[in-house]
Amino acid sequence: MHFFHHQIVVLLQAIWIFGDDETWSTAIQTTSSQPIDLVTVALHELGHSLGLRHSNVPGAIMNAFYSGSQRFLGTDDILGITQLYPKDRSITGSDIICDSNNYSYSINDLTANDIVNWTVSSNFQINNSTNSSVNVSAINVNNTTGWIEANINGIVVRKDIEIGIVSYHFDNANLTGNSSICGSQYYTYNISGFNHPCVTSVNWSVSPNLTIVSQNATSITVTNNPFNDQYAGLITANLPNSSFVIEKGVWVGVPSNDGLTIQKIGSYDLAVGQWTKLKANYIPLLYPANDPLNVTFEWQIPYSAIRNYPDTAYKDVRPNNSGQLNIGVRAVCDCGNGEWKYRMFNVSGGNGNGGGVLTPVGGN
């Protein structure tokens, strides 16, 4: 059999000397007498250079005794060469740990000559170990990574382990469900793009204009709170023992007119025969997770000519008569129409056409 050292061997330089007291030939030789087959002897010495020792198997190139040409590797030669290279070994055990309990990791396919030394990163501790296995526990479950290394006869095998929930798991996490919550209907929202063995529960919370109907580790069902008319809503999934939060902004019910105003804009007064622009402003309480405001506006503008804009927040108005003009606007959303908000304008003066300057009652 072959004998070789269980250590890393690096061939830096080799010098082969073929003595001139032998008669060398490159022709096939069938006996151990002269001439000697140069190719067979060169292969034998190459094996020594790689780290192989003599074989006791007849017919092997690495056999200690020359008996003629041997141009092909024998089975024992091949076995010896394969054993020169480190095995593709790995550490088996959990890729993710969620607590400070004891976890076991091991190396398979060790030979009797293999010696293993175990080491761990600073966030692990070794509880006990054998040549083929190690028991470790996390010092702190701090949502980061650690590692275990097995040094096998100078060859280091490493396994990276997640301790808790590492942030990249949240890259695609979101809450799926309707963007609007209308009336007293129930709406269910599910955590999507995220699944982790350490998450067995979720702390759910909602904004004051929502009520939780039911909840579990992956979903929540909500409805609107009839005693709160706030338009923007928020649903939050908070993972216990971590700072990771998944949020979804929703629109709840129909917009209140409390945040709705009518503004007169432009560089000139609104009078008979003149056009000027009005703008509806709606400024509800918003959360960072809310989508852009999803309302349009409906207007009531009597006794006037009107010009429309693609953005329904704007209207051009030309009053037909002097006097007072009561203009109304309301917000319209997926859930229906909000309440009207009115603003009175005085149309005074005139230029003979019955109208005059329009001035907001109560000032700008």
Protein backbone atom coordinates (compact mmCIF):
# COMPACT_ATOMS: atom_id res chain seq x y z
CA MET A 1 0.00 0.00 0.00
CA HIS A 2 0.98 3.65 -0.32
CA PHE A 3 2.22 5.59 2.68
CA PHE A 4 2.12 9.37 2.79
CA HIS A 5 2.16 12.18 5.34
CA HIS A 6 -1.19 13.66 6.52
CA GLN A 7 -0.10 17.22 6.01
CA ILE A 8 -0.07 19.80 3.29
CA VAL A 9 2.81 19.19 0.87
CA VAL A 10 3.87 21.95 -1.51
CA LEU A 11 6.30 20.94 -4.26
CA LEU A 12 8.62 23.91 -4.64
CA GLN A 13 11.42 22.24 -6.59
CA ALA A 14 12.49 18.71 -7.52
CA ILE A 15 15.72 17.47 -9.05
CA TRP A 16 15.77 13.97 -10.52
CA ILE A 17 19.14 12.38 -11.17
CA PHE A 18 19.33 9.32 -13.38
CA GLY A 19 22.72 7.65 -12.76
CA ASP A 20 24.93 6.90 -15.77
CA ASP A 21 25.78 3.51 -14.33
CA GLU A 22 22.46 2.29 -15.72
CA THR A 23 21.52 1.80 -19.34
CA TRP A 24 18.37 3.85 -20.00
CA SER A 25 15.81 3.33 -22.72
CA THR A 26 12.39 4.70 -23.67
CA ALA A 27 11.38 1.42 -25.30
CA ILE A 28 9.05 -1.01 -23.55
CA GLN A 29 11.00 -3.40 -21.31
CA THR A 30 9.60 -6.75 -20.16
CA THR A 31 12.25 -7.72 -17.58
CA SER A 32 14.08 -6.14 -14.67
CA SER A 33 17.44 -6.41 -16.43
CA GLN A 34 19.19 -3.77 -18.50
CA PRO A 35 18.24 -1.56 -20.23
CA ILE A 36 15.98 0.22 -17.70
CA ASP A 37 12.75 1.90 -18.83
CA LEU A 38 13.29 5.64 -18.24
CA VAL A 39 9.54 6.44 -18.42
CA THR A 40 8.57 3.96 -15.70
CA VAL A 41 11.31 5.14 -13.33
CA ALA A 42 10.46 8.81 -14.02
CA LEU A 43 6.80 8.17 -13.15
CA HIS A 44 7.87 6.40 -9.96
CA GLU A 45 10.04 9.35 -8.89
CA LEU A 46 7.30 11.82 -9.80
CA GLY A 47 5.04 9.98 -7.37
CA HIS A 48 7.60 10.47 -4.60
CA SER A 49 7.79 14.18 -5.49
CA LEU A 50 4.03 14.48 -5.05
CA GLY A 51 4.19 12.85 -1.62
CA LEU A 52 3.55 9.17 -2.35
CA ARG A 53 5.63 6.50 -0.65
CA HIS A 54 6.30 2.94 -1.81
CA SER A 55 3.46 0.53 -2.47
CA ASN A 56 3.59 -3.15 -1.63
CA VAL A 57 1.14 -3.99 -4.43
CA PRO A 58 2.82 -5.81 -7.34
CA GLY A 59 2.38 -4.05 -10.66
CA ALA A 60 1.93 -0.59 -9.11
CA ILE A 61 4.20 2.14 -10.43
CA MET A 62 5.00 3.02 -6.82
CA ASN A 63 6.10 -0.56 -6.00
CA ALA A 64 9.61 -0.48 -4.54
CA PHE A 65 10.99 -3.04 -7.00
CA TYR A 66 11.47 -2.42 -10.71
CA SER A 67 10.28 -5.35 -12.86
CA GLY A 68 10.09 -3.80 -16.31
CA SER A 69 7.94 -1.22 -18.01
CA GLN A 70 4.77 -0.03 -16.25
CA ARG A 71 3.29 2.77 -18.36
CA PHE A 72 -0.19 2.88 -16.77
CA LEU A 73 -1.30 3.73 -13.26
CA GLY A 74 -2.41 0.76 -11.22
CA THR A 75 -5.47 0.78 -8.97
CA ASP A 76 -3.31 1.36 -5.91
CA ASP A 77 -1.52 4.22 -7.65
CA ILE A 78 -4.85 5.91 -8.37
CA LEU A 79 -6.00 5.35 -4.79
CA GLY A 80 -2.83 6.93 -3.46
CA ILE A 81 -3.14 9.98 -5.72
CA THR A 82 -6.76 10.59 -4.73
CA GLN A 83 -5.79 10.44 -1.05
CA LEU A 84 -3.15 13.11 -1.59
CA TYR A 85 -5.89 15.69 -2.18
CA PRO A 86 -8.11 16.95 0.65
CA LYS A 87 -11.62 15.53 0.66
CA ASP A 88 -14.45 17.91 -0.11
CA ARG A 89 -15.73 17.88 3.44
CA SER A 90 -18.38 20.06 5.02
CA ILE A 91 -19.78 20.79 8.45
CA THR A 92 -23.36 19.62 8.84
CA GLY A 93 -25.88 21.26 11.17
CA SER A 94 -28.37 24.12 11.35
CA ASP A 95 -27.79 27.12 9.07
CA ILE A 96 -29.93 29.31 11.31
CA ILE A 97 -30.30 29.25 15.09
CA CYS A 98 -32.96 31.20 16.95
CA ASP A 99 -31.96 30.93 20.61
CA SER A 100 -29.11 30.18 23.00
CA ASN A 101 -29.79 26.45 23.20
CA ASN A 102 -27.17 23.80 22.49
CA TYR A 103 -26.68 22.99 18.77
CA SER A 104 -24.64 20.09 17.40
CA TYR A 105 -22.42 20.21 14.29
CA SER A 106 -20.36 17.39 12.81
CA ILE A 107 -17.92 16.29 10.10
CA ASN A 108 -18.64 13.05 8.24
CA ASP A 109 -16.29 10.60 6.51
CA LEU A 110 -13.34 11.11 8.81
CA THR A 111 -10.58 8.50 8.74
CA ALA A 112 -8.73 7.07 11.71
CA ASN A 113 -5.79 9.35 10.92
CA ASP A 114 -7.84 12.57 10.76
CA ILE A 115 -7.35 15.00 13.65
CA VAL A 116 -9.92 17.79 14.00
CA ASN A 117 -9.55 21.02 15.98
CA TRP A 118 -12.75 23.08 16.42
CA THR A 119 -12.93 26.88 16.71
CA VAL A 120 -15.87 29.32 16.71
CA SER A 121 -16.47 33.04 16.25
CA SER A 122 -16.68 35.33 19.28
CA ASN A 123 -20.48 35.21 19.39
CA PHE A 124 -20.46 31.42 19.94
CA GLN A 125 -19.16 29.28 22.75
CA ILE A 126 -18.07 25.63 22.56
CA ASN A 127 -19.86 23.53 25.16
CA ASN A 128 -18.13 20.24 24.33
CA SER A 129 -16.51 18.56 21.34
CA THR A 130 -15.16 15.29 19.98
CA ASN A 131 -12.97 14.66 16.98
CA SER A 132 -16.01 14.45 14.70
CA SER A 133 -18.55 16.80 16.34
CA VAL A 134 -18.96 19.94 18.41
CA ASN A 135 -21.79 21.36 20.53
CA VAL A 136 -22.11 25.14 20.55
CA SER A 137 -24.50 27.83 21.73
CA ALA A 138 -24.89 31.49 20.85
CA ILE A 139 -23.72 33.97 23.49
CA ASN A 140 -26.31 36.51 22.28
CA VAL A 141 -29.09 36.12 19.73
CA ASN A 142 -28.33 39.45 18.12
CA ASN A 143 -29.51 39.04 14.52
CA THR A 144 -26.08 38.64 12.99
CA THR A 145 -23.83 35.88 11.65
CA GLY A 146 -21.19 33.68 13.26
CA TRP A 147 -19.09 30.73 12.16
CA ILE A 148 -17.70 27.35 13.12
CA GLU A 149 -14.38 26.10 11.73
CA ALA A 150 -12.95 22.58 11.71
CA ASN A 151 -9.20 22.31 11.11
CA ILE A 152 -8.71 18.79 9.68
CA ASN A 153 -5.01 17.98 9.45
CA GLY A 154 -4.30 21.59 8.47
CA ILE A 155 -7.25 21.91 6.08
CA VAL A 156 -9.82 24.41 7.38
CA VAL A 157 -13.53 23.83 6.71
CA ARG A 158 -15.91 26.66 7.67
CA LYS A 159 -19.65 26.95 8.16
CA ASP A 160 -21.38 30.34 8.43
CA ILE A 161 -24.43 30.42 10.70
CA GLU A 162 -27.13 33.04 11.12
CA ILE A 163 -27.94 33.91 14.73
CA GLY A 164 -31.51 35.20 14.80
CA ILE A 165 -32.90 37.15 11.85
CA VAL A 166 -30.34 38.73 9.53
CA SER A 167 -31.62 41.85 7.77
CA TYR A 168 -31.36 40.62 4.16
CA HIS A 169 -34.36 38.36 4.79
CA PHE A 170 -36.48 41.54 4.77
CA ASP A 171 -35.34 42.77 1.36
CA ASN A 172 -38.56 41.60 -0.30
CA ALA A 173 -40.88 41.62 2.71
CA ASN A 174 -44.18 43.46 2.38
CA LEU A 175 -47.84 43.38 3.38
CA THR A 176 -50.24 42.47 0.60
CA GLY A 177 -53.88 43.53 0.54
CA ASN A 178 -56.26 46.31 -0.53
CA SER A 179 -55.05 49.90 -0.56
CA SER A 180 -58.47 51.14 0.63
CA ILE A 181 -60.67 50.04 3.54
CA CYS A 182 -64.32 50.93 3.02
CA GLY A 183 -67.36 50.84 5.28
CA SER A 184 -67.59 48.01 7.80
CA GLN A 185 -66.09 45.34 5.54
CA TYR A 186 -63.26 43.09 6.74
CA TYR A 187 -59.89 43.22 4.97
CA THR A 188 -57.06 40.70 5.36
CA TYR A 189 -53.37 41.55 4.92
CA ASN A 190 -50.64 38.92 4.58
CA ILE A 191 -46.90 39.03 5.09
CA SER A 192 -45.32 38.23 1.74
CA GLY A 193 -41.74 37.73 0.61
CA PHE A 194 -40.60 36.68 4.06
CA ASN A 195 -40.44 33.31 5.80
CA HIS A 196 -38.07 32.60 8.66
CA PRO A 197 -37.84 29.77 11.20
CA CYS A 198 -37.16 32.21 14.04
CA VAL A 199 -40.46 34.02 13.49
CA THR A 200 -43.26 32.20 15.27
CA SER A 201 -45.28 35.28 16.21
CA VAL A 202 -45.78 38.87 15.12
CA ASN A 203 -46.79 41.94 17.12
CA TRP A 204 -49.46 43.65 15.02
CA SER A 205 -50.61 47.24 15.49
CA VAL A 206 -52.88 49.59 13.55
CA SER A 207 -53.60 53.32 13.44
CA PRO A 208 -56.51 54.71 15.53
CA ASN A 209 -58.92 54.66 12.57
CA LEU A 210 -58.64 50.86 12.26
CA THR A 211 -59.77 47.95 14.42
CA ILE A 212 -58.11 44.53 14.52
CA VAL A 213 -60.59 41.69 13.92
CA SER A 214 -58.12 38.78 14.07
CA GLN A 215 -54.40 38.11 13.72
CA ASN A 216 -51.75 35.38 13.56
CA ALA A 217 -48.04 35.07 12.73
CA THR A 218 -48.55 35.70 9.01
CA SER A 219 -51.74 37.75 8.55
CA ILE A 220 -54.10 40.27 10.09
CA THR A 221 -57.76 41.09 9.42
CA VAL A 222 -58.96 44.65 10.07
CA THR A 223 -61.96 46.91 9.60
CA ASN A 224 -62.41 50.65 9.99
CA ASN A 225 -63.09 52.32 13.31
CA PRO A 226 -66.41 54.18 12.91
CA PHE A 227 -65.49 56.58 15.71
CA ASN A 228 -62.43 57.97 13.93
CA ASP A 229 -62.62 59.82 10.61
CA GLN A 230 -58.89 60.00 9.91
CA TYR A 231 -58.38 59.19 6.23
CA ALA A 232 -54.82 57.78 6.22
CA GLY A 233 -54.29 54.46 8.01
CA LEU A 234 -51.32 52.30 8.91
CA ILE A 235 -50.88 48.56 9.51
CA THR A 236 -47.64 47.47 11.19
CA ALA A 237 -46.06 44.03 11.70
CA ASN A 238 -43.32 44.17 14.33
CA LEU A 239 -41.13 41.13 14.90
CA PRO A 240 -40.56 40.32 18.60
CA ASN A 241 -37.06 40.83 19.98
CA SER A 242 -35.96 42.74 16.91
CA SER A 243 -36.16 46.17 15.31
CA PHE A 244 -37.59 44.84 12.04
CA VAL A 245 -40.91 46.36 11.02
CA ILE A 246 -43.10 45.79 7.96
CA GLU A 247 -45.64 48.55 7.27
CA LYS A 248 -48.47 49.19 4.85
CA GLY A 249 -50.31 52.45 4.40
CA VAL A 250 -54.01 52.29 3.57
CA TRP A 251 -56.85 54.75 2.93
CA VAL A 252 -59.77 54.39 5.30
CA GLY A 253 -63.37 55.33 4.48
CA VAL A 254 -64.12 58.64 2.79
CA PRO A 255 -62.05 61.75 3.45
CA SER A 256 -63.27 64.14 6.12
CA ASN A 257 -63.69 67.72 4.97
CA ASP A 258 -61.73 68.99 7.99
CA GLY A 259 -58.53 69.19 6.00
CA LEU A 260 -60.20 70.45 2.82
CA THR A 261 -59.91 74.13 1.74
CA ILE A 262 -60.58 76.22 -1.37
CA GLN A 263 -57.81 78.60 -2.35
CA LYS A 264 -57.99 81.47 -4.83
CA ILE A 265 -54.74 81.64 -6.80
CA GLY A 266 -53.52 83.81 -9.67
CA SER A 267 -52.32 87.38 -10.11
CA TYR A 268 -55.65 89.05 -10.74
CA ASP A 269 -59.10 89.24 -9.13
CA LEU A 270 -61.97 87.11 -10.26
CA ALA A 271 -64.56 89.45 -11.89
CA VAL A 272 -67.25 89.29 -14.53
CA GLY A 273 -65.57 88.72 -17.87
CA GLN A 274 -62.35 87.62 -16.21
CA TRP A 275 -60.99 84.16 -15.51
CA THR A 276 -59.01 83.08 -12.50
CA LYS A 277 -58.03 79.84 -10.93
CA LEU A 278 -59.29 78.09 -7.79
CA LYS A 279 -57.50 75.21 -6.13
CA ALA A 280 -58.78 72.52 -3.75
CA ASN A 281 -56.25 71.66 -1.04
CA TYR A 282 -56.66 68.50 0.99
CA ILE A 283 -54.05 67.92 3.67
CA PRO A 284 -54.85 64.84 5.75
CA LEU A 285 -52.54 63.31 8.33
CA LEU A 286 -50.22 61.02 6.37
CA TYR A 287 -47.84 58.22 7.32
CA PRO A 288 -44.54 57.61 5.49
CA ALA A 289 -45.92 54.25 4.32
CA ASN A 290 -48.94 55.83 2.61
CA ASP A 291 -49.06 55.88 -1.16
CA PRO A 292 -49.63 59.23 -2.91
CA LEU A 293 -53.04 60.67 -2.06
CA ASN A 294 -55.63 58.82 -4.13
CA VAL A 295 -58.48 61.34 -4.21
CA THR A 296 -60.08 63.39 -6.97
CA PHE A 297 -62.28 66.43 -6.42
CA GLU A 298 -65.86 67.27 -7.33
CA TRP A 299 -66.95 70.93 -7.46
CA GLN A 300 -70.14 72.95 -7.07
CA ILE A 301 -69.72 76.34 -8.76
CA PRO A 302 -73.11 78.01 -9.52
CA TYR A 303 -73.86 80.90 -11.85
CA SER A 304 -70.46 80.84 -13.50
CA ALA A 305 -68.62 79.70 -16.55
CA ILE A 306 -66.08 76.96 -15.75
CA ARG A 307 -62.94 75.63 -17.38
CA ASN A 308 -61.60 72.22 -16.35
CA TYR A 309 -58.10 70.79 -15.87
CA PRO A 310 -56.85 67.18 -16.02
CA ASP A 311 -55.99 67.63 -12.34
CA THR A 312 -59.42 67.94 -10.73
CA ALA A 313 -57.98 70.01 -7.87
CA TYR A 314 -58.01 73.04 -10.22
CA LYS A 315 -60.85 75.02 -11.79
CA ASP A 316 -61.00 78.25 -13.77
CA VAL A 317 -64.10 80.28 -12.86
CA ARG A 318 -65.83 83.32 -14.41
CA PRO A 319 -68.91 84.53 -12.40
CA ASN A 320 -71.99 85.63 -14.31
CA ASN A 321 -73.39 88.08 -11.73
CA SER A 322 -72.33 90.26 -8.86
CA GLY A 323 -73.37 89.48 -5.30
CA GLN A 324 -72.27 86.40 -3.33
CA LEU A 325 -71.05 83.13 -4.77
CA ASN A 326 -70.95 79.98 -2.57
CA ILE A 327 -68.47 77.48 -4.03
CA GLY A 328 -68.23 73.91 -2.77
CA VAL A 329 -65.78 71.03 -3.21
CA ARG A 330 -65.55 67.48 -1.93
CA ALA A 331 -62.99 64.69 -2.14
CA VAL A 332 -63.85 61.47 -4.01
CA CYS A 333 -62.01 58.17 -3.36
CA ASP A 334 -62.42 54.42 -3.84
CA CYS A 335 -64.81 54.29 -0.90
CA GLY A 336 -67.13 57.05 -2.17
CA ASN A 337 -67.62 60.79 -1.72
CA GLY A 338 -66.60 62.89 1.25
CA GLU A 339 -68.64 65.74 2.70
CA TRP A 340 -68.92 69.05 0.90
CA LYS A 341 -66.73 71.93 2.04
CA TYR A 342 -68.01 75.39 1.05
CA ARG A 343 -66.44 78.80 0.82
CA MET A 344 -68.35 82.04 0.26
CA PHE A 345 -67.02 84.65 -2.15
CA ASN A 346 -68.24 88.26 -2.58
CA VAL A 347 -68.55 89.41 -6.16
CA SER A 348 -68.74 93.19 -5.90
CA GLY A 349 -68.33 96.21 -8.19
CA GLY A 350 -68.86 95.51 -11.81
CA ASN A 351 -68.17 96.84 -15.23
CA GLY A 352 -71.71 97.01 -16.57
CA ASN A 353 -71.92 93.26 -17.19
CA GLY A 354 -73.49 92.46 -13.81
CA GLY A 355 -70.37 91.12 -12.06
CA GLY A 356 -67.44 92.47 -10.13
CA VAL A 357 -64.38 91.50 -8.16
CA LEU A 358 -64.65 88.16 -6.28
CA THR A 359 -63.20 88.29 -2.77
CA PRO A 360 -63.17 85.37 -0.31
CA VAL A 361 -65.34 86.04 2.71
CA GLY A 362 -63.16 86.03 5.79
CA GLY A 363 -59.98 86.89 3.87
CA ASN A 364 -57.51 84.80 1.94
